[in-house]
Amino acid sequence: MKRRWNLQAAGSSAPGSDHIRPAEGSEEYQQAQGEIAYAAGQSGAASSLSGSARVQFLEKGRLHEVNLAVEEALPKPSYSRAAQEYIASLRAHYLRDAGRTLSQVAAELCRAESQVQRWWQTSPMNLPRPRDIPNYICSYEMRMLQARVQPFRAAELRRRYIPDAAGLYAECARQLPWQQAMIRQRNYQTGELSVTNKASNRQDCILRGTRTGIPRLDDTLRRLRADFMIADPNAFIVSNWYPDGTSGIGAHNHDHWSAILSFGSSRVFLLDDKPILLEDGDLLVFGGQRHSLPKMPAITEGRISVAIFWYPEQHGTGSFVCGEEVCAGCGLRDVLLQE
């Protein structure tokens, strides 16, 4: 099933009446409408890039209320002790392969030289995997290490990557080939994805390559590829349209890297369970971190994300990714089409 959303008027940020949203009267809808009240000025429009905002969002059936300052750096993830040690050990091997000395690696990782030495004496394949990082993500990060790409890359947030993003939300809403998004499920041991027959509360579109046909956006995507040295010939675009705060996406991990541009209403984005307020024109880049867009039912305006998905270890040309054949029709790897 494929449908387009039509703007009610040129430049409007609200989709037409045929968008998907939770049914009014449902328990979740009533809870959100009854419990969530925004402070004055938090009506859903993009907020100022200064000061802080008190925001509320729903995650795992619970109401959360936090103060988020736009100028703050990205919060540090709250990994278990085992996960912290596993991440540091892979980075220790990567830094050694990159030519760092023992003392340099110990200083960079804030670990004793004796600990770094023990990591170096153990094959990365034999390091115990933590329970709170999905097995397929650990396998992906191991491939990054073998390809001499930094495993567990730190996320990077660039505010106002597009200094004047005014109008881009409406252009994307009008011009991108939106279709009904379906709910996917992933096996967190094997990484296998399956598509259900249940419609989600958002629309999406997938574009081969990194051009959208929207000139101002394509100029930004070219700059983004240069800034982050994206050389994967099979890099492609996935966009999501969230019509209002009753739409969102659940927590999941990607076994690739993502560069996400945000347009439209300010929304809370959870990265490794830490909230970030993403605003119109912001850019967030990350690797295998767990992430989601929780519901904020008081938000009445829409948000569109335009993301480049790519494998940093891939260069050159060809129709194979990590040894797997891509779709003959569109050139995308099957697992990424489902993602």
Protein backbone atom coordinates (compact mmCIF):
# COMPACT_ATOMS: atom_id res chain seq x y z
CA MET A 1 0.00 0.00 0.00
CA LYS A 2 1.42 3.35 -1.01
CA ARG A 3 -0.05 6.70 -0.14
CA ARG A 4 1.11 10.28 -0.23
CA TRP A 5 0.38 12.90 2.34
CA ASN A 6 -0.66 16.24 0.91
CA LEU A 7 -0.06 19.53 2.63
CA GLN A 8 -3.23 21.42 3.41
CA ALA A 9 -1.72 24.55 1.96
CA ALA A 10 1.58 25.54 0.43
CA GLY A 11 4.11 25.99 3.20
CA SER A 12 1.85 24.39 5.81
CA SER A 13 3.53 22.03 8.26
CA ALA A 14 0.47 19.83 8.79
CA PRO A 15 -0.21 16.78 6.61
CA GLY A 16 -3.59 15.95 5.20
CA SER A 17 -6.33 14.13 6.99
CA ASP A 18 -5.28 10.67 5.77
CA HIS A 19 -2.21 10.37 7.98
CA ILE A 20 -1.91 7.54 10.48
CA ARG A 21 -2.18 8.30 14.19
CA PRO A 22 -3.35 6.45 17.32
CA ALA A 23 -7.11 6.26 17.50
CA GLU A 24 -8.73 8.86 19.69
CA GLY A 25 -10.25 7.23 22.72
CA SER A 26 -7.51 4.61 22.99
CA GLU A 27 -5.87 4.19 26.40
CA GLU A 28 -2.56 5.59 25.19
CA TYR A 29 -4.18 8.61 23.55
CA GLN A 30 -6.27 9.43 26.62
CA GLN A 31 -3.28 9.07 28.92
CA ALA A 32 -1.20 11.39 26.79
CA GLN A 33 -3.91 14.00 26.41
CA GLY A 34 -4.80 13.87 30.07
CA GLU A 35 -1.31 13.91 31.56
CA ILE A 36 0.88 15.93 29.24
CA ALA A 37 0.72 19.68 29.50
CA TYR A 38 3.46 21.87 28.13
CA ALA A 39 4.72 24.99 29.82
CA ALA A 40 3.83 28.26 28.13
CA GLY A 41 5.62 28.62 24.82
CA GLN A 42 6.14 24.88 24.26
CA SER A 43 3.34 24.43 21.73
CA GLY A 44 5.37 22.35 19.28
CA ALA A 45 6.99 25.04 17.16
CA ALA A 46 10.77 24.94 16.82
CA SER A 47 12.29 26.56 19.88
CA SER A 48 15.08 29.10 20.03
CA LEU A 49 18.69 27.97 19.81
CA SER A 50 19.46 29.53 23.18
CA GLY A 51 18.52 28.80 26.76
CA SER A 52 16.72 25.64 27.80
CA ALA A 53 13.32 24.06 27.39
CA ARG A 54 11.29 21.92 29.74
CA VAL A 55 9.97 19.03 27.68
CA GLN A 56 7.80 15.99 28.33
CA PHE A 57 7.73 12.74 26.40
CA LEU A 58 6.39 9.21 26.64
CA GLU A 59 8.79 6.27 26.65
CA LYS A 60 7.91 2.67 27.51
CA GLY A 61 4.53 3.80 28.82
CA ARG A 62 6.00 6.31 31.27
CA LEU A 63 5.83 10.10 31.29
CA HIS A 64 9.22 11.82 31.49
CA GLU A 65 9.80 15.52 32.12
CA VAL A 66 13.27 17.02 31.70
CA ASN A 67 15.04 20.32 31.17
CA LEU A 68 17.16 20.27 28.01
CA ALA A 69 19.63 23.05 27.22
CA VAL A 70 20.34 23.41 23.53
CA GLU A 71 23.95 24.46 24.12
CA GLU A 72 24.79 21.36 26.16
CA ALA A 73 27.18 18.77 24.75
CA LEU A 74 25.88 15.32 23.94
CA PRO A 75 25.29 13.36 27.16
CA LYS A 76 27.54 10.42 27.89
CA PRO A 77 25.88 7.01 27.51
CA SER A 78 25.16 4.97 30.63
CA TYR A 79 26.79 1.66 29.76
CA SER A 80 27.29 -1.18 32.19
CA ARG A 81 30.77 -1.78 33.53
CA ALA A 82 31.14 -4.79 31.24
CA ALA A 83 30.09 -2.75 28.20
CA GLN A 84 32.51 0.06 29.07
CA GLU A 85 35.38 -2.40 29.30
CA TYR A 86 34.44 -4.11 26.05
CA ILE A 87 34.25 -0.81 24.17
CA ALA A 88 37.55 0.39 25.63
CA SER A 89 39.27 -2.91 24.77
CA LEU A 90 38.24 -2.72 21.09
CA ARG A 91 39.35 0.89 20.93
CA ALA A 92 42.69 -0.11 22.47
CA HIS A 93 43.27 -2.57 19.61
CA TYR A 94 42.18 0.04 17.05
CA LEU A 95 44.55 2.68 18.47
CA ARG A 96 47.47 0.24 18.48
CA ASP A 97 46.77 -0.62 14.83
CA ALA A 98 46.69 3.13 14.13
CA GLY A 99 50.26 3.45 15.47
CA ARG A 100 49.70 4.70 19.00
CA THR A 101 52.14 3.73 21.73
CA LEU A 102 51.18 1.97 24.95
CA SER A 103 51.39 5.17 26.99
CA GLN A 104 49.38 7.12 24.42
CA VAL A 105 46.60 4.53 24.35
CA ALA A 106 46.48 4.33 28.15
CA ALA A 107 46.22 8.11 28.40
CA GLU A 108 43.52 8.37 25.73
CA LEU A 109 41.40 5.63 27.30
CA CYS A 110 42.11 6.71 30.89
CA ARG A 111 43.28 3.21 31.75
CA ALA A 112 46.43 1.83 33.37
CA GLU A 113 49.12 0.69 30.97
CA SER A 114 48.95 -2.76 32.55
CA GLN A 115 45.25 -3.00 31.63
CA VAL A 116 45.91 -1.93 28.04
CA GLN A 117 48.72 -4.48 27.82
CA ARG A 118 46.35 -7.26 28.94
CA TRP A 119 43.85 -6.23 26.25
CA TRP A 120 46.57 -6.29 23.63
CA GLN A 121 47.57 -9.79 24.68
CA THR A 122 43.99 -11.05 24.12
CA SER A 123 42.54 -11.51 20.67
CA PRO A 124 39.53 -9.18 20.16
CA MET A 125 37.53 -12.22 19.04
CA ASN A 126 38.01 -13.74 22.51
CA LEU A 127 36.87 -10.72 24.50
CA PRO A 128 33.65 -11.38 26.46
CA ARG A 129 30.67 -9.60 24.94
CA PRO A 130 28.46 -7.56 27.29
CA ARG A 131 24.80 -8.46 27.66
CA ASP A 132 23.54 -4.88 27.23
CA ILE A 133 24.97 -4.47 23.70
CA PRO A 134 23.14 -6.56 21.06
CA ASN A 135 25.22 -9.41 19.71
CA TYR A 136 24.84 -8.24 16.10
CA ILE A 137 26.16 -4.79 17.07
CA CYS A 138 29.22 -6.39 18.69
CA SER A 139 29.77 -8.35 15.46
CA TYR A 140 29.43 -5.17 13.42
CA GLU A 141 31.93 -3.28 15.60
CA MET A 142 34.34 -6.21 15.26
CA ARG A 143 34.10 -5.83 11.48
CA MET A 144 34.89 -2.15 11.89
CA LEU A 145 38.02 -3.03 13.85
CA GLN A 146 39.11 -5.53 11.19
CA ALA A 147 38.57 -2.86 8.51
CA ARG A 148 40.69 -0.39 10.55
CA VAL A 149 37.68 1.83 11.21
CA GLN A 150 37.18 3.11 14.74
CA PRO A 151 34.72 0.80 16.55
CA PHE A 152 31.94 2.29 18.67
CA ARG A 153 32.33 5.72 17.13
CA ALA A 154 31.24 8.59 19.34
CA ALA A 155 28.12 10.44 18.26
CA GLU A 156 28.46 13.99 16.96
CA LEU A 157 25.85 16.73 17.08
CA ARG A 158 26.14 19.82 14.88
CA ARG A 159 23.58 22.46 15.69
CA ARG A 160 22.16 24.42 12.78
CA TYR A 161 24.13 22.47 10.22
CA ILE A 162 21.74 24.20 7.83
CA PRO A 163 21.77 27.78 9.17
CA ASP A 164 18.53 28.71 7.40
CA ALA A 165 16.33 25.63 7.19
CA ALA A 166 13.10 27.60 6.83
CA GLY A 167 10.80 25.99 4.28
CA LEU A 168 12.71 22.70 3.94
CA TYR A 169 10.16 20.79 6.00
CA ALA A 170 7.39 21.84 3.61
CA GLU A 171 9.52 21.09 0.54
CA CYS A 172 10.32 17.60 1.78
CA ALA A 173 6.68 16.97 2.68
CA ARG A 174 5.55 17.97 -0.82
CA GLN A 175 8.28 16.44 -2.97
CA LEU A 176 9.56 13.22 -1.41
CA PRO A 177 7.79 9.98 -2.46
CA TRP A 178 6.21 9.11 0.88
CA GLN A 179 4.62 5.74 1.57
CA GLN A 180 3.07 4.08 4.57
CA ALA A 181 5.77 2.79 6.92
CA MET A 182 5.29 -0.70 8.31
CA ILE A 183 6.45 -1.92 11.71
CA ARG A 184 9.66 -3.97 11.61
CA GLN A 185 10.98 -6.44 14.15
CA ARG A 186 14.61 -7.40 14.73
CA ASN A 187 16.16 -10.45 16.31
CA TYR A 188 18.71 -8.88 18.65
CA GLN A 189 20.90 -11.98 18.63
CA THR A 190 21.18 -12.53 14.89
CA GLY A 191 20.28 -9.03 13.69
CA GLU A 192 17.69 -10.50 11.29
CA LEU A 193 14.89 -8.10 10.36
CA SER A 194 11.31 -9.02 9.54
CA VAL A 195 8.52 -6.79 8.29
CA THR A 196 5.08 -7.13 9.86
CA ASN A 197 1.77 -6.31 8.19
CA LYS A 198 1.00 -3.67 10.82
CA ALA A 199 1.12 -0.02 9.76
CA SER A 200 3.21 2.33 11.89
CA ASN A 201 2.22 5.90 12.76
CA ARG A 202 4.64 7.51 10.31
CA GLN A 203 5.42 7.65 6.61
CA ASP A 204 8.81 6.93 5.08
CA CYS A 205 10.68 6.86 1.79
CA ILE A 206 13.95 5.31 0.60
CA LEU A 207 16.05 6.88 -2.15
CA ARG A 208 18.94 5.20 -3.91
CA GLY A 209 22.05 7.38 -3.70
CA THR A 210 22.22 10.65 -1.80
CA ARG A 211 20.16 13.02 -3.95
CA THR A 212 16.58 14.02 -3.25
CA GLY A 213 15.83 16.36 -6.17
CA ILE A 214 15.42 19.27 -3.74
CA PRO A 215 18.31 21.60 -4.71
CA ARG A 216 18.91 23.27 -1.35
CA LEU A 217 18.80 19.94 0.48
CA ASP A 218 21.05 18.24 -2.07
CA ASP A 219 23.66 20.99 -1.62
CA THR A 220 23.66 20.20 2.11
CA LEU A 221 23.92 16.45 1.49
CA ARG A 222 26.97 16.98 -0.75
CA ARG A 223 28.60 19.05 2.01
CA LEU A 224 27.70 16.38 4.56
CA ARG A 225 29.34 13.64 2.48
CA ALA A 226 32.51 15.72 2.22
CA ASP A 227 32.56 16.69 5.92
CA PHE A 228 32.23 13.08 7.08
CA MET A 229 34.19 11.49 4.24
CA ILE A 230 31.32 9.25 3.14
CA ALA A 231 32.81 7.17 0.33
CA ASP A 232 30.42 4.20 0.38
CA PRO A 233 29.11 3.85 -3.21
CA ASN A 234 25.94 2.24 -1.87
CA ALA A 235 25.13 5.02 0.61
CA PHE A 236 21.47 5.93 0.42
CA ILE A 237 18.75 8.08 1.98
CA VAL A 238 16.00 7.06 4.36
CA SER A 239 13.47 9.72 5.36
CA ASN A 240 10.76 9.55 8.00
CA TRP A 241 7.76 11.86 8.35
CA TYR A 242 6.25 12.19 11.82
CA PRO A 243 3.03 14.23 11.35
CA ASP A 244 2.75 15.30 15.00
CA GLY A 245 3.77 14.28 18.50
CA THR A 246 1.60 11.17 18.54
CA SER A 247 3.99 9.56 16.06
CA GLY A 248 7.44 8.25 16.83
CA ILE A 249 9.71 5.24 16.46
CA GLY A 250 10.81 2.68 19.04
CA ALA A 251 14.34 2.05 20.26
CA HIS A 252 16.61 0.15 17.86
CA ASN A 253 20.24 -0.11 16.70
CA HIS A 254 21.71 0.14 13.21
CA ASP A 255 24.65 -1.97 12.08
CA HIS A 256 25.89 0.92 9.95
CA TRP A 257 26.47 4.66 10.40
CA SER A 258 23.77 7.32 10.15
CA ALA A 259 23.80 11.07 9.52
CA ILE A 260 20.36 12.50 10.33
CA LEU A 261 19.11 15.97 9.41
CA SER A 262 16.03 17.22 11.27
CA PHE A 263 13.41 19.56 9.84
CA GLY A 264 10.27 21.03 11.32
CA SER A 265 9.14 20.82 14.93
CA SER A 266 11.64 20.34 17.75
CA ARG A 267 11.51 16.77 19.07
CA VAL A 268 13.22 14.80 21.80
CA PHE A 269 15.56 12.16 20.40
CA LEU A 270 16.87 9.41 22.68
CA LEU A 271 20.45 8.28 22.06
CA ASP A 272 21.52 5.40 24.30
CA ASP A 273 18.51 6.34 26.46
CA LYS A 274 19.76 9.93 26.91
CA PRO A 275 17.41 12.72 25.70
CA ILE A 276 18.54 15.31 23.15
CA LEU A 277 16.40 18.12 21.78
CA LEU A 278 16.81 18.15 17.99
CA GLU A 279 15.76 21.33 16.24
CA ASP A 280 15.12 22.55 12.71
CA GLY A 281 18.36 22.22 10.69
CA ASP A 282 20.31 20.16 13.26
CA LEU A 283 22.54 17.24 12.25
CA LEU A 284 23.21 14.14 14.38
CA VAL A 285 25.80 11.53 13.29
CA PHE A 286 26.26 8.21 15.08
CA GLY A 287 27.10 4.55 14.63
CA GLY A 288 25.54 1.55 16.36
CA GLN A 289 24.07 3.42 19.33
CA ARG A 290 20.54 2.57 20.43
CA HIS A 291 18.14 5.36 19.50
CA SER A 292 14.48 6.28 19.26
CA LEU A 293 12.05 9.15 18.76
CA PRO A 294 9.58 9.02 21.67
CA LYS A 295 6.04 10.34 21.42
CA MET A 296 5.25 13.90 22.53
CA PRO A 297 1.46 14.11 22.03
CA ALA A 298 1.26 17.83 22.89
CA ILE A 299 3.26 18.56 19.73
CA THR A 300 0.82 19.49 16.96
CA GLU A 301 3.32 20.09 14.15
CA GLY A 302 5.38 17.65 12.13
CA ARG A 303 9.02 16.62 11.92
CA ILE A 304 10.87 15.12 8.97
CA SER A 305 14.22 13.37 9.22
CA VAL A 306 16.46 12.95 6.18
CA ALA A 307 19.24 10.45 6.87
CA ILE A 308 22.21 9.13 4.94
CA PHE A 309 22.91 5.49 5.84
CA TRP A 310 26.37 4.16 4.98
CA TYR A 311 29.10 1.67 5.77
CA PRO A 312 32.33 3.56 6.55
CA GLU A 313 34.49 0.61 5.50
CA GLN A 314 33.05 0.61 1.97
CA HIS A 315 34.86 2.49 -0.82
CA GLY A 316 34.99 2.45 -4.60
CA THR A 317 32.32 1.06 -6.88
CA GLY A 318 30.44 -2.19 -7.20
CA SER A 319 27.17 -3.90 -6.38
CA PHE A 320 28.22 -5.85 -3.31
CA VAL A 321 28.27 -4.73 0.32
CA CYS A 322 30.21 -6.80 2.85
CA GLY A 323 30.07 -9.66 0.35
CA GLU A 324 26.28 -9.58 0.09
CA GLU A 325 24.46 -8.95 -3.16
CA VAL A 326 22.29 -5.86 -3.30
CA CYS A 327 18.85 -5.52 -4.87
CA ALA A 328 19.08 -5.54 -8.66
CA GLY A 329 16.16 -3.14 -8.88
CA CYS A 330 17.33 -0.33 -6.62
CA GLY A 331 20.91 -1.17 -5.59
CA LEU A 332 20.18 -1.36 -1.85
CA ARG A 333 21.17 -4.20 0.44
CA ASP A 334 18.07 -6.13 1.46
CA VAL A 335 18.58 -5.74 5.20
CA LEU A 336 18.88 -1.98 4.81
CA LEU A 337 15.73 -1.80 2.73
CA GLN A 338 13.91 -3.30 5.70
CA GLU A 339 15.60 -0.98 8.17
